[in-house]
């Protein structure tokens, strides 16, 4: 029956997420959860309990924090700060290129002066 299949998928997803030892196993649990479908209006009561998922995710907070592929959604202020920092980095890179160019010019001038000082 679809109702029991759905309940089993939800339970398996919670167990898979709660017992995951690494990010790959955690992703497998999320894949199971994606296959779960919220029951339609014809089902008055269903036993999938959102608290089970909260407990499962709470147990895996360390895996979530260590996984570099799982990103949080940045707030508008964080996005703006990141954009400003990136702008600052680009300006500093331009300054470095300009200074490197100036150094190469000074080195060329110094070499000319050194050559003129050499006795013939």
C-alpha atoms as a PDB file:
ATOM      1  CA  UNK A   1       0.000   0.000   0.000  1.00  0.00           C
ATOM      2  CA  UNK A   2       1.323   3.471  -0.867  1.00  0.00           C
ATOM      3  CA  UNK A   3       0.641   4.782   2.650  1.00  0.00           C
ATOM      4  CA  UNK A   4       2.838   2.114   4.276  1.00  0.00           C
ATOM      5  CA  UNK A   5       5.502   2.507   1.617  1.00  0.00           C
ATOM      6  CA  UNK A   6       5.573   6.236   2.322  1.00  0.00           C
ATOM      7  CA  UNK A   7       5.809   5.678   6.081  1.00  0.00           C
ATOM      8  CA  UNK A   8       8.643   3.199   5.585  1.00  0.00           C
ATOM      9  CA  UNK A   9      10.562   5.622   3.328  1.00  0.00           C
ATOM     10  CA  UNK A  10      10.276   8.366   5.919  1.00  0.00           C
ATOM     11  CA  UNK A  11      11.449   6.111   8.728  1.00  0.00           C
ATOM     12  CA  UNK A  12      14.351   4.773   6.671  1.00  0.00           C
ATOM     13  CA  UNK A  13      15.392   8.301   5.723  1.00  0.00           C
ATOM     14  CA  UNK A  14      15.414   9.358   9.378  1.00  0.00           C
ATOM     15  CA  UNK A  15      17.442   6.292  10.363  1.00  0.00           C
ATOM     16  CA  UNK A  16      19.876   6.747   7.472  1.00  0.00           C
ATOM     17  CA  UNK A  17      20.430  10.391   8.379  1.00  0.00           C
ATOM     18  CA  UNK A  18      20.759   9.716  12.115  1.00  0.00           C
ATOM     19  CA  UNK A  19      23.284   6.901  11.648  1.00  0.00           C
ATOM     20  CA  UNK A  20      25.362   8.401   8.823  1.00  0.00           C
ATOM     21  CA  UNK A  21      29.103   8.349   9.492  1.00  0.00           C
ATOM     22  CA  UNK A  22      30.113  10.585   6.611  1.00  0.00           C
ATOM     23  CA  UNK A  23      28.729  13.005   4.047  1.00  0.00           C
ATOM     24  CA  UNK A  24      28.093  10.310   1.426  1.00  0.00           C
ATOM     25  CA  UNK A  25      25.897   8.317   3.810  1.00  0.00           C
ATOM     26  CA  UNK A  26      24.146  11.523   4.835  1.00  0.00           C
ATOM     27  CA  UNK A  27      23.395  12.290   1.183  1.00  0.00           C
ATOM     28  CA  UNK A  28      21.974   8.780   0.778  1.00  0.00           C
ATOM     29  CA  UNK A  29      19.583   9.556   3.635  1.00  0.00           C
ATOM     30  CA  UNK A  30      18.519  12.780   1.966  1.00  0.00           C
ATOM     31  CA  UNK A  31      17.935  10.867  -1.266  1.00  0.00           C
ATOM     32  CA  UNK A  32      15.558   8.559   0.591  1.00  0.00           C
ATOM     33  CA  UNK A  33      13.798  11.560   2.064  1.00  0.00           C
ATOM     34  CA  UNK A  34      13.316  13.069  -1.391  1.00  0.00           C
ATOM     35  CA  UNK A  35      11.413   9.949  -2.428  1.00  0.00           C
ATOM     36  CA  UNK A  36       8.919  10.477   0.435  1.00  0.00           C
ATOM     37  CA  UNK A  37       5.709  12.155  -0.658  1.00  0.00           C
ATOM     38  CA  UNK A  38       3.448  14.094   1.653  1.00  0.00           C
ATOM     39  CA  UNK A  39       0.126  12.258   1.829  1.00  0.00           C
ATOM     40  CA  UNK A  40      -2.760  13.841  -0.014  1.00  0.00           C
ATOM     41  CA  UNK A  41      -6.046  15.115   1.408  1.00  0.00           C
ATOM     42  CA  UNK A  42      -7.535  11.596   1.326  1.00  0.00           C
ATOM     43  CA  UNK A  43      -5.276  10.604   4.235  1.00  0.00           C
ATOM     44  CA  UNK A  44      -6.466  12.203   7.437  1.00  0.00           C
ATOM     45  CA  UNK A  45      -3.766  10.889   9.752  1.00  0.00           C
ATOM     46  CA  UNK A  46      -0.279   9.800   8.899  1.00  0.00           C
ATOM     47  CA  UNK A  47       2.463   8.813  11.288  1.00  0.00           C
ATOM     48  CA  UNK A  48       5.485  10.519   9.729  1.00  0.00           C
ATOM     49  CA  UNK A  49       6.717  12.658  12.564  1.00  0.00           C
ATOM     50  CA  UNK A  50       8.741  15.799  11.793  1.00  0.00           C
ATOM     51  CA  UNK A  51      10.340  15.513  15.248  1.00  0.00           C
ATOM     52  CA  UNK A  52      12.083  12.344  14.052  1.00  0.00           C
ATOM     53  CA  UNK A  53      13.790  14.343  11.326  1.00  0.00           C
ATOM     54  CA  UNK A  54      14.788  17.098  13.763  1.00  0.00           C
ATOM     55  CA  UNK A  55      16.410  14.522  16.044  1.00  0.00           C
ATOM     56  CA  UNK A  56      18.158  12.850  13.091  1.00  0.00           C
ATOM     57  CA  UNK A  57      19.544  16.147  11.813  1.00  0.00           C
ATOM     58  CA  UNK A  58      20.548  17.217  15.307  1.00  0.00           C
ATOM     59  CA  UNK A  59      22.694  14.115  15.648  1.00  0.00           C
ATOM     60  CA  UNK A  60      24.452  14.882  12.359  1.00  0.00           C
ATOM     61  CA  UNK A  61      25.301  18.541  12.905  1.00  0.00           C
ATOM     62  CA  UNK A  62      29.042  17.735  12.939  1.00  0.00           C
ATOM     63  CA  UNK A  63      28.850  16.009   9.558  1.00  0.00           C
ATOM     64  CA  UNK A  64      26.911  18.943   8.149  1.00  0.00           C
ATOM     65  CA  UNK A  65      29.467  21.455   9.425  1.00  0.00           C
ATOM     66  CA  UNK A  66      32.427  19.520   8.045  1.00  0.00           C
ATOM     67  CA  UNK A  67      31.025  18.850   4.596  1.00  0.00           C
ATOM     68  CA  UNK A  68      32.304  21.541   2.197  1.00  0.00           C
ATOM     69  CA  UNK A  69      29.652  20.768  -0.432  1.00  0.00           C
ATOM     70  CA  UNK A  70      26.770  21.697   1.877  1.00  0.00           C
ATOM     71  CA  UNK A  71      26.416  25.476   1.891  1.00  0.00           C
ATOM     72  CA  UNK A  72      24.232  27.756   3.913  1.00  0.00           C
ATOM     73  CA  UNK A  73      22.288  30.561   2.336  1.00  0.00           C
ATOM     74  CA  UNK A  74      24.052  33.803   3.073  1.00  0.00           C
ATOM     75  CA  UNK A  75      22.077  36.723   4.324  1.00  0.00           C
ATOM     76  CA  UNK A  76      21.902  39.874   2.269  1.00  0.00           C
ATOM     77  CA  UNK A  77      24.412  41.604   4.575  1.00  0.00           C
ATOM     78  CA  UNK A  78      26.883  38.707   4.319  1.00  0.00           C
ATOM     79  CA  UNK A  79      26.579  38.763   0.539  1.00  0.00           C
ATOM     80  CA  UNK A  80      27.256  42.489   0.455  1.00  0.00           C
ATOM     81  CA  UNK A  81      30.242  42.088   2.787  1.00  0.00           C
ATOM     82  CA  UNK A  82      31.649  39.325   0.576  1.00  0.00           C
ATOM     83  CA  UNK A  83      31.190  41.527  -2.511  1.00  0.00           C
ATOM     84  CA  UNK A  84      33.002  44.440  -0.833  1.00  0.00           C
ATOM     85  CA  UNK A  85      35.861  42.180   0.274  1.00  0.00           C
ATOM     86  CA  UNK A  86      36.175  40.825  -3.262  1.00  0.00           C
ATOM     87  CA  UNK A  87      36.312  44.397  -4.598  1.00  0.00           C
ATOM     88  CA  UNK A  88      39.026  45.222  -2.077  1.00  0.00           C
ATOM     89  CA  UNK A  89      41.008  42.158  -3.141  1.00  0.00           C
ATOM     90  CA  UNK A  90      40.768  43.190  -6.805  1.00  0.00           C
ATOM     91  CA  UNK A  91      41.968  46.719  -5.976  1.00  0.00           C
ATOM     92  CA  UNK A  92      44.916  45.314  -4.023  1.00  0.00           C
ATOM     93  CA  UNK A  93      45.810  43.051  -6.944  1.00  0.00           C
ATOM     94  CA  UNK A  94      45.807  46.087  -9.254  1.00  0.00           C
ATOM     95  CA  UNK A  95      48.077  47.953  -6.833  1.00  0.00           C
ATOM     96  CA  UNK A  96      50.464  44.997  -6.709  1.00  0.00           C
ATOM     97  CA  UNK A  97      50.636  44.845 -10.512  1.00  0.00           C
ATOM     98  CA  UNK A  98      51.305  48.591 -10.657  1.00  0.00           C
ATOM     99  CA  UNK A  99      54.063  48.342  -8.041  1.00  0.00           C
ATOM    100  CA  UNK A 100      55.643  45.371  -9.820  1.00  0.00           C
ATOM    101  CA  UNK A 101      55.686  47.409 -13.035  1.00  0.00           C
ATOM    102  CA  UNK A 102      57.275  50.375 -11.249  1.00  0.00           C
ATOM    103  CA  UNK A 103      59.889  48.109  -9.687  1.00  0.00           C
ATOM    104  CA  UNK A 104      60.808  46.683 -13.085  1.00  0.00           C
ATOM    105  CA  UNK A 105      61.212  50.235 -14.440  1.00  0.00           C
ATOM    106  CA  UNK A 106      63.460  51.211 -11.513  1.00  0.00           C
ATOM    107  CA  UNK A 107      65.522  48.039 -11.989  1.00  0.00           C
ATOM    108  CA  UNK A 108      65.995  48.910 -15.673  1.00  0.00           C
ATOM    109  CA  UNK A 109      67.083  52.447 -14.776  1.00  0.00           C
ATOM    110  CA  UNK A 110      69.468  51.088 -12.133  1.00  0.00           C
ATOM    111  CA  UNK A 111      70.984  48.675 -14.641  1.00  0.00           C
ATOM    112  CA  UNK A 112      71.563  51.533 -17.103  1.00  0.00           C
ATOM    113  CA  UNK A 113      73.285  53.540 -14.391  1.00  0.00           C
ATOM    114  CA  UNK A 114      75.455  50.558 -13.421  1.00  0.00           C
ATOM    115  CA  UNK A 115      76.495  50.064 -17.052  1.00  0.00           C
ATOM    116  CA  UNK A 116      77.456  53.720 -17.391  1.00  0.00           C
ATOM    117  CA  UNK A 117      79.624  53.498 -14.251  1.00  0.00           C
ATOM    118  CA  UNK A 118      81.632  50.554 -15.579  1.00  0.00           C
ATOM    119  CA  UNK A 119      85.058  51.606 -16.740  1.00  0.00           C
ATOM    120  CA  UNK A 120      85.626  51.187 -20.424  1.00  0.00           C
END
